[in-house]
Amino acid sequence: MYGNTRFGLYEIFKTHYQNTTQGLPALSALILAAAASGFVGGIIGNPADLANIRMQCDAGLLISSRRGYRNVFDAWIRMDREEGWRCFTRAWWPNSVRAALMTTSQLASYDGFKTMLIRHMSFKDNVHTQFLASTLASLVATALCSPVDVIKTRIMSTSNSVSILKLVTEVSRREGLTWMLRGWVPSFVRLGPQTVATLLFLEQHKMVFRALNGIG
C-alpha cells in the first residue's frame, strides 16, 4: 500500500503537470509531487511499518519484555487492545517525513538525473541511462533517509511516548552527530539495489503500458 500510493500518486501529479504546461515538469514541481505522494504513502503504511519494526526488534529485548507477535495481524490486534488505536500513529511524523524524503530522493532525483544526462550529456533514454540515473538516485536517497531511519526505528521500537526533539537532542549529546550516518553502508546495500531494480522495472512497465494503450 505504501509503495503503490507513492508511485501511483507521483505519476498522477507529474502527468497532470505535463498536461497543464505542455512540457516536462521542472525539478521544483517534481520535488513537490514526490514529497506530497510520499507523505501520503507514509501515513497509509505507518501501521504495517510499526508492526515490522517491533517484530524485528523483539529478539534483542529481554525475554520478559518481548512482545511475541505471531504475525502482523496479531500485532495489530494486540497493539489496539493493549495500547489503544492511537499507537498506530506512533512515529507517524518521522515516518511520513521519511517517506516524503524517500520518494523525493528516489523519484524526483531520478527524473532529474535522467533529464540532465539526456539533455546535457547526450545520453539516450535507454536502460544504461536509466541504470546510471537510478544509481545516483539511490545515493541521494540513502544520504537523506539514513538519519530519519535511525530516529524512526528508535521511536517505533518502544511502547512509550517519545518526543522527537528530545530524542534527537539526547542522541546527539550522547553519540555526537555521527549518529546520522549510523547504518549508512547496510542502508545503501539494501536501498541501492532496491532503488535501481524498482526504477528499471517501473520504466519497463510504463513502456509496455504506453504501447498497449497507444500512448506516445
N, C-alpha and C. Protein backbone atom coordinates (compact mmCIF):
# COMPACT_ATOMS: atom_id res chain seq x y z
N MET A 1 0.84 -1.21 0.00
CA MET A 1 0.00 0.00 0.00
C MET A 1 0.87 1.26 0.00
N TYR A 2 1.96 1.19 0.77
CA TYR A 2 2.88 2.33 0.82
C TYR A 2 3.51 2.60 -0.54
N GLY A 3 4.02 1.53 -1.15
CA GLY A 3 4.68 1.68 -2.44
C GLY A 3 3.72 2.10 -3.54
N ASN A 4 2.58 1.44 -3.62
CA ASN A 4 1.59 1.77 -4.66
C ASN A 4 1.11 3.21 -4.53
N THR A 5 0.93 3.66 -3.29
CA THR A 5 0.44 5.03 -3.07
C THR A 5 1.44 6.05 -3.57
N ARG A 6 2.69 5.91 -3.15
CA ARG A 6 3.66 6.94 -3.52
C ARG A 6 4.02 6.92 -5.00
N PHE A 7 4.15 5.72 -5.59
CA PHE A 7 4.45 5.65 -7.01
C PHE A 7 3.25 6.11 -7.84
N GLY A 8 2.06 5.65 -7.45
CA GLY A 8 0.86 6.00 -8.21
C GLY A 8 0.55 7.48 -8.17
N LEU A 9 0.57 8.07 -6.97
CA LEU A 9 0.27 9.50 -6.85
C LEU A 9 1.32 10.35 -7.55
N TYR A 10 2.57 9.93 -7.48
CA TYR A 10 3.63 10.70 -8.15
C TYR A 10 3.40 10.77 -9.64
N GLU A 11 3.05 9.64 -10.25
CA GLU A 11 2.79 9.62 -11.69
C GLU A 11 1.56 10.46 -12.04
N ILE A 12 0.55 10.42 -11.16
CA ILE A 12 -0.66 11.22 -11.40
C ILE A 12 -0.32 12.71 -11.35
N PHE A 13 0.41 13.13 -10.32
CA PHE A 13 0.78 14.55 -10.19
C PHE A 13 1.67 14.99 -11.35
N LYS A 14 2.63 14.14 -11.72
CA LYS A 14 3.55 14.51 -12.80
C LYS A 14 2.82 14.61 -14.13
N THR A 15 1.93 13.66 -14.40
CA THR A 15 1.16 13.69 -15.64
C THR A 15 0.25 14.91 -15.70
N HIS A 16 -0.37 15.25 -14.56
CA HIS A 16 -1.22 16.44 -14.50
C HIS A 16 -0.42 17.69 -14.83
N TYR A 17 0.79 17.79 -14.30
CA TYR A 17 1.63 18.96 -14.57
C TYR A 17 2.01 19.01 -16.05
N GLN A 18 2.35 17.85 -16.62
CA GLN A 18 2.72 17.81 -18.03
C GLN A 18 1.55 18.24 -18.91
N ASN A 19 0.35 17.77 -18.60
CA ASN A 19 -0.83 18.13 -19.40
C ASN A 19 -1.17 19.61 -19.25
N THR A 20 -0.88 20.17 -18.07
CA THR A 20 -1.20 21.58 -17.83
C THR A 20 -0.22 22.52 -18.51
N THR A 21 1.06 22.17 -18.47
CA THR A 21 2.09 23.07 -19.00
C THR A 21 2.57 22.68 -20.40
N GLN A 22 2.13 21.50 -20.87
CA GLN A 22 2.54 21.00 -22.18
C GLN A 22 4.06 20.89 -22.28
N GLY A 23 4.67 20.41 -21.23
CA GLY A 23 6.12 20.24 -21.23
C GLY A 23 6.56 19.38 -20.07
N LEU A 24 7.84 19.09 -20.02
CA LEU A 24 8.36 18.29 -18.91
C LEU A 24 8.31 19.10 -17.62
N PRO A 25 7.96 18.48 -16.51
CA PRO A 25 7.90 19.18 -15.23
C PRO A 25 9.26 19.72 -14.82
N ALA A 26 9.27 20.90 -14.22
CA ALA A 26 10.50 21.44 -13.66
C ALA A 26 10.87 20.63 -12.43
N LEU A 27 12.14 20.72 -12.02
CA LEU A 27 12.60 19.94 -10.87
C LEU A 27 11.83 20.30 -9.62
N SER A 28 11.49 21.58 -9.46
CA SER A 28 10.73 22.00 -8.28
C SER A 28 9.36 21.34 -8.25
N ALA A 29 8.72 21.20 -9.42
CA ALA A 29 7.42 20.54 -9.49
C ALA A 29 7.54 19.05 -9.20
N LEU A 30 8.62 18.43 -9.67
CA LEU A 30 8.86 17.01 -9.39
C LEU A 30 9.06 16.78 -7.90
N ILE A 31 9.81 17.68 -7.26
CA ILE A 31 10.07 17.55 -5.83
C ILE A 31 8.78 17.69 -5.04
N LEU A 32 7.96 18.66 -5.40
CA LEU A 32 6.69 18.87 -4.71
C LEU A 32 5.77 17.67 -4.88
N ALA A 33 5.68 17.15 -6.10
CA ALA A 33 4.82 15.99 -6.37
C ALA A 33 5.32 14.76 -5.61
N ALA A 34 6.62 14.55 -5.59
CA ALA A 34 7.18 13.40 -4.90
C ALA A 34 7.00 13.50 -3.39
N ALA A 35 7.22 14.70 -2.84
CA ALA A 35 7.08 14.89 -1.40
C ALA A 35 5.64 14.65 -0.95
N ALA A 36 4.69 15.18 -1.72
CA ALA A 36 3.27 15.02 -1.37
C ALA A 36 2.85 13.56 -1.44
N SER A 37 3.22 12.88 -2.52
CA SER A 37 2.82 11.47 -2.67
C SER A 37 3.51 10.60 -1.63
N GLY A 38 4.76 10.89 -1.32
CA GLY A 38 5.47 10.11 -0.30
C GLY A 38 4.89 10.32 1.08
N PHE A 39 4.49 11.56 1.40
CA PHE A 39 3.92 11.85 2.71
C PHE A 39 2.62 11.07 2.91
N VAL A 40 1.77 11.04 1.90
CA VAL A 40 0.52 10.28 1.98
C VAL A 40 0.82 8.78 2.10
N GLY A 41 1.80 8.30 1.34
CA GLY A 41 2.17 6.90 1.42
C GLY A 41 2.68 6.53 2.80
N GLY A 42 3.41 7.45 3.45
CA GLY A 42 3.91 7.19 4.79
C GLY A 42 2.79 7.04 5.80
N ILE A 43 1.74 7.84 5.65
CA ILE A 43 0.59 7.75 6.56
C ILE A 43 -0.09 6.39 6.40
N ILE A 44 -0.31 5.98 5.16
CA ILE A 44 -1.00 4.72 4.90
C ILE A 44 -0.17 3.51 5.35
N GLY A 45 1.14 3.59 5.18
CA GLY A 45 1.98 2.46 5.51
C GLY A 45 2.46 2.40 6.95
N ASN A 46 2.13 3.43 7.75
CA ASN A 46 2.67 3.51 9.11
C ASN A 46 2.29 2.31 10.00
N PRO A 47 1.03 1.84 10.04
CA PRO A 47 0.70 0.70 10.91
C PRO A 47 1.50 -0.56 10.58
N ALA A 48 1.69 -0.85 9.30
CA ALA A 48 2.45 -2.03 8.92
C ALA A 48 3.93 -1.86 9.26
N ASP A 49 4.45 -0.65 9.07
CA ASP A 49 5.84 -0.38 9.39
C ASP A 49 6.09 -0.50 10.89
N LEU A 50 5.13 -0.04 11.67
CA LEU A 50 5.23 -0.14 13.12
C LEU A 50 5.32 -1.60 13.56
N ALA A 51 4.45 -2.43 13.04
CA ALA A 51 4.48 -3.86 13.37
C ALA A 51 5.79 -4.50 12.92
N ASN A 52 6.26 -4.11 11.74
CA ASN A 52 7.50 -4.65 11.20
C ASN A 52 8.69 -4.32 12.10
N ILE A 53 8.81 -3.07 12.51
CA ILE A 53 9.92 -2.64 13.37
C ILE A 53 9.89 -3.39 14.70
N ARG A 54 8.72 -3.49 15.30
CA ARG A 54 8.61 -4.17 16.60
C ARG A 54 8.97 -5.64 16.49
N MET A 55 8.52 -6.30 15.44
CA MET A 55 8.81 -7.73 15.28
C MET A 55 10.30 -7.96 15.03
N GLN A 56 10.94 -7.03 14.32
CA GLN A 56 12.37 -7.14 14.06
C GLN A 56 13.19 -6.90 15.32
N CYS A 57 12.74 -5.98 16.18
CA CYS A 57 13.50 -5.62 17.38
C CYS A 57 13.22 -6.56 18.55
N ASP A 58 12.22 -7.39 18.44
CA ASP A 58 11.78 -8.21 19.57
C ASP A 58 12.89 -9.13 20.09
N ALA A 59 13.65 -9.72 19.19
CA ALA A 59 14.68 -10.68 19.59
C ALA A 59 15.79 -10.02 20.42
N GLY A 60 15.96 -8.71 20.27
CA GLY A 60 17.00 -8.01 21.00
C GLY A 60 16.59 -7.58 22.40
N LEU A 61 15.33 -7.80 22.76
CA LEU A 61 14.84 -7.42 24.09
C LEU A 61 15.02 -8.55 25.08
N LEU A 62 14.95 -8.21 26.37
CA LEU A 62 14.93 -9.23 27.40
C LEU A 62 13.69 -10.11 27.21
N ILE A 63 13.81 -11.38 27.59
CA ILE A 63 12.70 -12.32 27.38
C ILE A 63 11.42 -11.80 28.02
N SER A 64 11.55 -11.19 29.19
CA SER A 64 10.37 -10.69 29.90
C SER A 64 9.74 -9.49 29.19
N SER A 65 10.49 -8.83 28.33
CA SER A 65 9.99 -7.64 27.65
C SER A 65 9.54 -7.90 26.22
N ARG A 66 9.76 -9.12 25.73
CA ARG A 66 9.41 -9.42 24.35
C ARG A 66 7.89 -9.48 24.17
N ARG A 67 7.44 -9.01 23.02
CA ARG A 67 6.00 -8.97 22.75
C ARG A 67 5.51 -10.29 22.15
N GLY A 68 6.34 -10.93 21.37
CA GLY A 68 5.98 -12.23 20.81
C GLY A 68 4.83 -12.19 19.82
N TYR A 69 4.78 -11.15 18.98
CA TYR A 69 3.73 -11.10 17.96
C TYR A 69 3.91 -12.29 17.00
N ARG A 70 2.82 -12.98 16.69
CA ARG A 70 2.89 -14.14 15.79
C ARG A 70 2.97 -13.71 14.33
N ASN A 71 2.27 -12.65 13.99
CA ASN A 71 2.28 -12.13 12.63
C ASN A 71 1.77 -10.69 12.69
N VAL A 72 1.69 -10.05 11.53
CA VAL A 72 1.32 -8.64 11.50
C VAL A 72 -0.10 -8.42 12.00
N PHE A 73 -1.00 -9.35 11.71
CA PHE A 73 -2.39 -9.19 12.14
C PHE A 73 -2.51 -9.34 13.66
N ASP A 74 -1.76 -10.30 14.20
CA ASP A 74 -1.73 -10.45 15.65
C ASP A 74 -1.15 -9.20 16.30
N ALA A 75 -0.12 -8.62 15.66
CA ALA A 75 0.49 -7.40 16.18
C ALA A 75 -0.52 -6.26 16.22
N TRP A 76 -1.28 -6.10 15.14
CA TRP A 76 -2.27 -5.01 15.09
C TRP A 76 -3.35 -5.19 16.16
N ILE A 77 -3.84 -6.42 16.29
CA ILE A 77 -4.90 -6.69 17.28
C ILE A 77 -4.41 -6.40 18.69
N ARG A 78 -3.21 -6.88 19.02
CA ARG A 78 -2.69 -6.68 20.36
C ARG A 78 -2.32 -5.24 20.63
N MET A 79 -1.78 -4.55 19.63
CA MET A 79 -1.44 -3.14 19.83
C MET A 79 -2.70 -2.33 20.13
N ASP A 80 -3.77 -2.61 19.40
CA ASP A 80 -5.03 -1.90 19.63
C ASP A 80 -5.60 -2.23 21.00
N ARG A 81 -5.53 -3.52 21.39
CA ARG A 81 -6.08 -3.94 22.66
C ARG A 81 -5.25 -3.43 23.85
N GLU A 82 -3.94 -3.48 23.73
CA GLU A 82 -3.06 -3.15 24.85
C GLU A 82 -2.70 -1.68 24.94
N GLU A 83 -2.65 -0.98 23.80
CA GLU A 83 -2.19 0.41 23.80
C GLU A 83 -3.20 1.40 23.25
N GLY A 84 -4.28 0.90 22.66
CA GLY A 84 -5.26 1.78 22.06
C GLY A 84 -4.92 2.12 20.62
N TRP A 85 -5.91 2.56 19.88
CA TRP A 85 -5.72 2.81 18.45
C TRP A 85 -4.72 3.91 18.16
N ARG A 86 -4.49 4.78 19.14
CA ARG A 86 -3.55 5.88 18.91
C ARG A 86 -2.11 5.39 18.72
N CYS A 87 -1.84 4.16 19.15
CA CYS A 87 -0.48 3.65 18.99
C CYS A 87 -0.12 3.50 17.51
N PHE A 88 -1.15 3.37 16.64
CA PHE A 88 -0.87 3.23 15.21
C PHE A 88 -0.33 4.52 14.60
N THR A 89 -0.44 5.63 15.34
CA THR A 89 0.11 6.89 14.86
C THR A 89 1.51 7.13 15.43
N ARG A 90 2.04 6.16 16.20
CA ARG A 90 3.38 6.33 16.76
C ARG A 90 4.41 6.47 15.64
N ALA A 91 5.25 7.49 15.76
CA ALA A 91 6.28 7.79 14.74
C ALA A 91 5.67 8.16 13.40
N TRP A 92 4.38 8.54 13.42
CA TRP A 92 3.71 8.94 12.18
C TRP A 92 4.44 10.10 11.51
N TRP A 93 4.85 11.07 12.31
CA TRP A 93 5.50 12.25 11.71
C TRP A 93 6.86 11.91 11.08
N PRO A 94 7.82 11.31 11.84
CA PRO A 94 9.09 10.99 11.18
C PRO A 94 8.93 9.98 10.06
N ASN A 95 7.97 9.06 10.18
CA ASN A 95 7.78 8.08 9.12
C ASN A 95 7.27 8.73 7.84
N SER A 96 6.35 9.69 7.98
CA SER A 96 5.81 10.38 6.80
C SER A 96 6.85 11.30 6.19
N VAL A 97 7.63 11.96 7.04
CA VAL A 97 8.72 12.81 6.53
C VAL A 97 9.75 11.94 5.80
N ARG A 98 10.05 10.78 6.41
CA ARG A 98 10.98 9.86 5.78
C ARG A 98 10.45 9.39 4.43
N ALA A 99 9.15 9.08 4.36
CA ALA A 99 8.55 8.64 3.11
C ALA A 99 8.58 9.75 2.06
N ALA A 100 8.36 11.00 2.51
CA ALA A 100 8.44 12.14 1.59
C ALA A 100 9.86 12.31 1.07
N LEU A 101 10.85 12.20 1.98
CA LEU A 101 12.25 12.29 1.57
C LEU A 101 12.63 11.15 0.64
N MET A 102 12.16 9.94 0.99
CA MET A 102 12.48 8.78 0.18
C MET A 102 11.93 8.92 -1.24
N THR A 103 10.68 9.31 -1.34
CA THR A 103 10.06 9.45 -2.66
C THR A 103 10.71 10.58 -3.46
N THR A 104 11.01 11.68 -2.77
CA THR A 104 11.68 12.80 -3.45
C THR A 104 13.06 12.38 -3.93
N SER A 105 13.83 11.74 -3.04
CA SER A 105 15.20 11.38 -3.40
C SER A 105 15.25 10.25 -4.42
N GLN A 106 14.25 9.38 -4.42
CA GLN A 106 14.22 8.31 -5.41
C GLN A 106 13.64 8.78 -6.74
N LEU A 107 12.39 9.25 -6.73
CA LEU A 107 11.68 9.52 -7.98
C LEU A 107 12.04 10.88 -8.58
N ALA A 108 11.98 11.94 -7.77
CA ALA A 108 12.28 13.27 -8.30
C ALA A 108 13.75 13.36 -8.73
N SER A 109 14.66 12.84 -7.90
CA SER A 109 16.08 12.91 -8.27
C SER A 109 16.37 12.01 -9.47
N TYR A 110 15.67 10.88 -9.56
CA TYR A 110 15.86 10.00 -10.72
C TYR A 110 15.46 10.72 -12.00
N ASP A 111 14.26 11.32 -12.00
CA ASP A 111 13.82 12.06 -13.18
C ASP A 111 14.75 13.22 -13.48
N GLY A 112 15.24 13.88 -12.41
CA GLY A 112 16.17 15.00 -12.59
C GLY A 112 17.49 14.54 -13.18
N PHE A 113 18.06 13.46 -12.65
CA PHE A 113 19.33 12.94 -13.17
C PHE A 113 19.17 12.45 -14.61
N LYS A 114 18.07 11.76 -14.89
CA LYS A 114 17.87 11.24 -16.24
C LYS A 114 17.72 12.37 -17.25
N THR A 115 16.97 13.40 -16.86
CA THR A 115 16.81 14.56 -17.75
C THR A 115 18.14 15.25 -17.99
N MET A 116 18.96 15.40 -16.93
CA MET A 116 20.27 16.02 -17.07
C MET A 116 21.17 15.21 -18.00
N LEU A 117 21.17 13.90 -17.84
CA LEU A 117 22.01 13.05 -18.67
C LEU A 117 21.60 13.11 -20.14
N ILE A 118 20.30 13.16 -20.39
CA ILE A 118 19.81 13.17 -21.77
C ILE A 118 19.99 14.55 -22.41
N ARG A 119 19.67 15.59 -21.68
CA ARG A 119 19.71 16.95 -22.25
C ARG A 119 21.11 17.51 -22.37
N HIS A 120 21.92 17.28 -21.34
CA HIS A 120 23.21 17.98 -21.27
C HIS A 120 24.42 17.09 -21.52
N MET A 121 24.25 15.77 -21.55
CA MET A 121 25.39 14.89 -21.74
C MET A 121 25.17 13.92 -22.90
N SER A 122 24.14 14.19 -23.69
CA SER A 122 23.87 13.45 -24.93
C SER A 122 23.64 11.96 -24.72
N PHE A 123 23.11 11.59 -23.56
CA PHE A 123 22.74 10.19 -23.33
C PHE A 123 21.42 9.90 -24.03
N LYS A 124 21.21 8.64 -24.34
CA LYS A 124 19.94 8.19 -24.89
C LYS A 124 19.05 7.67 -23.76
N ASP A 125 17.74 7.74 -23.97
CA ASP A 125 16.82 7.23 -22.96
C ASP A 125 16.72 5.71 -23.11
N ASN A 126 17.71 5.02 -22.53
CA ASN A 126 17.75 3.57 -22.61
C ASN A 126 18.08 2.98 -21.24
N VAL A 127 18.25 1.69 -21.20
CA VAL A 127 18.48 1.00 -19.92
C VAL A 127 19.77 1.48 -19.25
N HIS A 128 20.81 1.75 -20.05
CA HIS A 128 22.08 2.19 -19.47
C HIS A 128 21.93 3.54 -18.76
N THR A 129 21.23 4.46 -19.39
CA THR A 129 20.99 5.77 -18.79
C THR A 129 20.10 5.63 -17.55
N GLN A 130 19.09 4.80 -17.65
CA GLN A 130 18.19 4.58 -16.51
C GLN A 130 18.94 3.94 -15.34
N PHE A 131 19.86 3.03 -15.63
CA PHE A 131 20.65 2.40 -14.57
C PHE A 131 21.53 3.42 -13.88
N LEU A 132 22.19 4.28 -14.64
CA LEU A 132 23.06 5.30 -14.04
C LEU A 132 22.26 6.29 -13.22
N ALA A 133 21.14 6.76 -13.76
CA ALA A 133 20.30 7.73 -13.05
C ALA A 133 19.73 7.12 -11.76
N SER A 134 19.33 5.86 -11.81
CA SER A 134 18.77 5.22 -10.62
C SER A 134 19.85 4.97 -9.57
N THR A 135 21.08 4.69 -9.99
CA THR A 135 22.18 4.52 -9.05
C THR A 135 22.48 5.82 -8.33
N LEU A 136 22.52 6.92 -9.06
CA LEU A 136 22.73 8.24 -8.45
C LEU A 136 21.58 8.57 -7.50
N ALA A 137 20.36 8.23 -7.90
CA ALA A 137 19.20 8.48 -7.04
C ALA A 137 19.27 7.67 -5.76
N SER A 138 19.81 6.45 -5.82
CA SER A 138 19.92 5.62 -4.62
C SER A 138 20.92 6.21 -3.64
N LEU A 139 21.97 6.85 -4.12
CA LEU A 139 22.94 7.52 -3.25
C LEU A 139 22.28 8.69 -2.53
N VAL A 140 21.49 9.47 -3.27
CA VAL A 140 20.78 10.60 -2.67
C VAL A 140 19.78 10.10 -1.64
N ALA A 141 19.05 9.04 -1.97
CA ALA A 141 18.03 8.50 -1.07
C ALA A 141 18.65 8.02 0.23
N THR A 142 19.76 7.31 0.16
CA THR A 142 20.41 6.80 1.36
C THR A 142 20.92 7.93 2.24
N ALA A 143 21.53 8.94 1.63
CA ALA A 143 22.08 10.06 2.39
C ALA A 143 20.98 10.84 3.12
N LEU A 144 19.84 11.05 2.46
CA LEU A 144 18.77 11.84 3.06
C LEU A 144 17.97 11.06 4.09
N CYS A 145 17.78 9.77 3.86
CA CYS A 145 16.87 9.00 4.70
C CYS A 145 17.53 8.31 5.88
N SER A 146 18.85 8.15 5.85
CA SER A 146 19.53 7.42 6.92
C SER A 146 19.31 8.04 8.30
N PRO A 147 19.46 9.37 8.49
CA PRO A 147 19.22 9.94 9.82
C PRO A 147 17.77 9.76 10.29
N VAL A 148 16.81 9.91 9.37
CA VAL A 148 15.41 9.76 9.74
C VAL A 148 15.11 8.31 10.10
N ASP A 149 15.76 7.36 9.41
CA ASP A 149 15.57 5.95 9.71
C ASP A 149 16.00 5.62 11.14
N VAL A 150 17.11 6.22 11.58
CA VAL A 150 17.60 5.98 12.93
C VAL A 150 16.57 6.44 13.96
N ILE A 151 16.06 7.66 13.78
CA ILE A 151 15.07 8.21 14.73
C ILE A 151 13.78 7.41 14.68
N LYS A 152 13.32 7.09 13.47
CA LYS A 152 12.06 6.35 13.32
C LYS A 152 12.13 4.99 14.00
N THR A 153 13.26 4.29 13.82
CA THR A 153 13.41 2.96 14.40
C THR A 153 13.41 3.03 15.92
N ARG A 154 14.07 4.02 16.49
CA ARG A 154 14.14 4.12 17.94
C ARG A 154 12.78 4.48 18.55
N ILE A 155 12.00 5.28 17.83
CA ILE A 155 10.67 5.63 18.34
C ILE A 155 9.73 4.44 18.25
N MET A 156 9.76 3.74 17.11
CA MET A 156 8.83 2.64 16.90
C MET A 156 9.14 1.42 17.76
N SER A 157 10.39 1.27 18.18
CA SER A 157 10.77 0.09 18.94
C SER A 157 10.34 0.15 20.40
N THR A 158 9.86 1.31 20.84
CA THR A 158 9.41 1.45 22.22
C THR A 158 7.91 1.63 22.29
N SER A 159 7.33 1.27 23.42
CA SER A 159 5.89 1.46 23.62
C SER A 159 5.60 2.77 24.33
N ASN A 160 6.65 3.49 24.73
CA ASN A 160 6.48 4.74 25.45
C ASN A 160 6.39 5.91 24.49
N SER A 161 5.73 6.96 24.94
CA SER A 161 5.63 8.18 24.13
C SER A 161 6.98 8.90 24.16
N VAL A 162 7.49 9.24 23.00
CA VAL A 162 8.81 9.85 22.90
C VAL A 162 8.73 11.14 22.10
N SER A 163 9.34 12.20 22.62
CA SER A 163 9.42 13.46 21.90
C SER A 163 10.57 13.38 20.89
N ILE A 164 10.26 13.71 19.63
CA ILE A 164 11.29 13.63 18.59
C ILE A 164 12.43 14.59 18.89
N LEU A 165 12.09 15.82 19.28
CA LEU A 165 13.13 16.81 19.57
C LEU A 165 14.00 16.38 20.73
N LYS A 166 13.37 15.85 21.77
CA LYS A 166 14.12 15.38 22.94
C LYS A 166 15.01 14.20 22.56
N LEU A 167 14.49 13.28 21.75
CA LEU A 167 15.27 12.12 21.34
C LEU A 167 16.49 12.55 20.52
N VAL A 168 16.29 13.45 19.57
CA VAL A 168 17.40 13.92 18.74
C VAL A 168 18.45 14.63 19.59
N THR A 169 17.98 15.45 20.55
CA THR A 169 18.91 16.17 21.43
C THR A 169 19.73 15.21 22.26
N GLU A 170 19.08 14.21 22.85
CA GLU A 170 19.78 13.25 23.71
C GLU A 170 20.75 12.39 22.91
N VAL A 171 20.32 11.94 21.73
CA VAL A 171 21.19 11.10 20.91
C VAL A 171 22.41 11.90 20.43
N SER A 172 22.20 13.15 20.04
CA SER A 172 23.31 14.00 19.59
C SER A 172 24.29 14.27 20.71
N ARG A 173 23.77 14.48 21.92
CA ARG A 173 24.64 14.73 23.07
C ARG A 173 25.42 13.48 23.45
N ARG A 174 24.77 12.33 23.39
CA ARG A 174 25.39 11.09 23.84
C ARG A 174 26.32 10.48 22.80
N GLU A 175 25.94 10.59 21.50
CA GLU A 175 26.69 9.91 20.45
C GLU A 175 27.37 10.85 19.46
N GLY A 176 27.11 12.15 19.58
CA GLY A 176 27.65 13.08 18.60
C GLY A 176 26.85 13.03 17.31
N LEU A 177 27.21 13.85 16.35
CA LEU A 177 26.46 13.91 15.10
C LEU A 177 26.69 12.69 14.21
N THR A 178 27.63 11.83 14.60
CA THR A 178 27.88 10.64 13.78
C THR A 178 26.69 9.68 13.77
N TRP A 179 25.73 9.88 14.70
CA TRP A 179 24.55 9.00 14.71
C TRP A 179 23.78 9.10 13.39
N MET A 180 23.91 10.25 12.71
CA MET A 180 23.17 10.44 11.46
C MET A 180 23.67 9.51 10.36
N LEU A 181 24.91 9.02 10.49
CA LEU A 181 25.47 8.11 9.49
C LEU A 181 25.46 6.67 9.95
N ARG A 182 24.88 6.41 11.13
CA ARG A 182 24.85 5.06 11.66
C ARG A 182 24.03 4.15 10.73
N GLY A 183 24.66 3.07 10.32
CA GLY A 183 23.98 2.12 9.44
C GLY A 183 23.91 2.55 7.99
N TRP A 184 24.73 3.56 7.58
CA TRP A 184 24.65 4.07 6.21
C TRP A 184 24.99 2.99 5.19
N VAL A 185 26.08 2.25 5.45
CA VAL A 185 26.51 1.24 4.49
C VAL A 185 25.47 0.13 4.31
N PRO A 186 25.00 -0.50 5.40
CA PRO A 186 23.94 -1.51 5.19
C PRO A 186 22.68 -0.92 4.59
N SER A 187 22.40 0.36 4.89
CA SER A 187 21.22 1.00 4.29
C SER A 187 21.39 1.11 2.78
N PHE A 188 22.60 1.48 2.34
CA PHE A 188 22.84 1.59 0.90
C PHE A 188 22.85 0.22 0.24
N VAL A 189 23.41 -0.79 0.94
CA VAL A 189 23.42 -2.15 0.38
C VAL A 189 21.98 -2.62 0.16
N ARG A 190 21.07 -2.21 1.06
CA ARG A 190 19.66 -2.58 0.90
C ARG A 190 18.95 -1.67 -0.10
N LEU A 191 19.13 -0.35 0.08
CA LEU A 191 18.36 0.61 -0.70
C LEU A 191 18.87 0.78 -2.12
N GLY A 192 20.20 0.64 -2.32
CA GLY A 192 20.77 0.83 -3.65
C GLY A 192 20.18 -0.13 -4.68
N PRO A 193 20.36 -1.44 -4.50
CA PRO A 193 19.79 -2.39 -5.46
C PRO A 193 18.27 -2.29 -5.56
N GLN A 194 17.61 -2.02 -4.41
CA GLN A 194 16.15 -1.92 -4.44
C GLN A 194 15.69 -0.74 -5.30
N THR A 195 16.39 0.40 -5.16
CA THR A 195 16.04 1.58 -5.94
C THR A 195 16.28 1.35 -7.43
N VAL A 196 17.45 0.79 -7.74
CA VAL A 196 17.79 0.54 -9.15
C VAL A 196 16.79 -0.44 -9.77
N ALA A 197 16.54 -1.54 -9.09
CA ALA A 197 15.62 -2.54 -9.64
C ALA A 197 14.21 -1.98 -9.79
N THR A 198 13.75 -1.26 -8.76
CA THR A 198 12.39 -0.70 -8.81
C THR A 198 12.22 0.26 -9.97
N LEU A 199 13.18 1.17 -10.13
CA LEU A 199 13.05 2.19 -11.18
C LEU A 199 13.22 1.59 -12.57
N LEU A 200 14.10 0.61 -12.72
CA LEU A 200 14.25 -0.03 -14.02
C LEU A 200 12.99 -0.79 -14.40
N PHE A 201 12.43 -1.54 -13.45
CA PHE A 201 11.19 -2.26 -13.73
C PHE A 201 10.04 -1.29 -13.98
N LEU A 202 10.03 -0.17 -13.26
CA LEU A 202 8.97 0.83 -13.45
C LEU A 202 9.03 1.41 -14.86
N GLU A 203 10.24 1.68 -15.34
CA GLU A 203 10.40 2.21 -16.70
C GLU A 203 9.89 1.20 -17.73
N GLN A 204 10.23 -0.07 -17.55
CA GLN A 204 9.77 -1.09 -18.49
C GLN A 204 8.26 -1.26 -18.43
N HIS A 205 7.71 -1.18 -17.22
CA HIS A 205 6.27 -1.29 -17.05
C HIS A 205 5.56 -0.15 -17.78
N LYS A 206 6.07 1.08 -17.62
CA LYS A 206 5.45 2.23 -18.28
C LYS A 206 5.55 2.12 -19.80
N MET A 207 6.68 1.59 -20.29
CA MET A 207 6.86 1.43 -21.72
C MET A 207 5.83 0.45 -22.29
N VAL A 208 5.64 -0.67 -21.60
CA VAL A 208 4.65 -1.66 -22.03
C VAL A 208 3.24 -1.09 -21.95
N PHE A 209 2.96 -0.38 -20.85
CA PHE A 209 1.63 0.20 -20.67
C PHE A 209 1.30 1.20 -21.78
N ARG A 210 2.27 2.04 -22.13
CA ARG A 210 2.06 3.02 -23.21
C ARG A 210 1.85 2.33 -24.54
N ALA A 211 2.62 1.28 -24.78
CA ALA A 211 2.49 0.57 -26.05
C ALA A 211 1.11 -0.09 -26.16
N LEU A 212 0.64 -0.68 -25.08
CA LEU A 212 -0.65 -1.35 -25.10
C LEU A 212 -1.81 -0.37 -25.24
N ASN A 213 -1.61 0.85 -24.76
CA ASN A 213 -2.69 1.84 -24.79
C ASN A 213 -2.48 2.91 -25.86
N GLY A 214 -1.47 2.73 -26.72
CA GLY A 214 -1.25 3.67 -27.81
C GLY A 214 -0.87 5.06 -27.35
N ILE A 215 -0.16 5.15 -26.24
CA ILE A 215 0.25 6.45 -25.72
C ILE A 215 1.67 6.75 -26.19
N GLY A 216 1.89 7.96 -26.72
CA GLY A 216 3.22 8.31 -27.20
C GLY A 216 4.18 8.61 -26.07
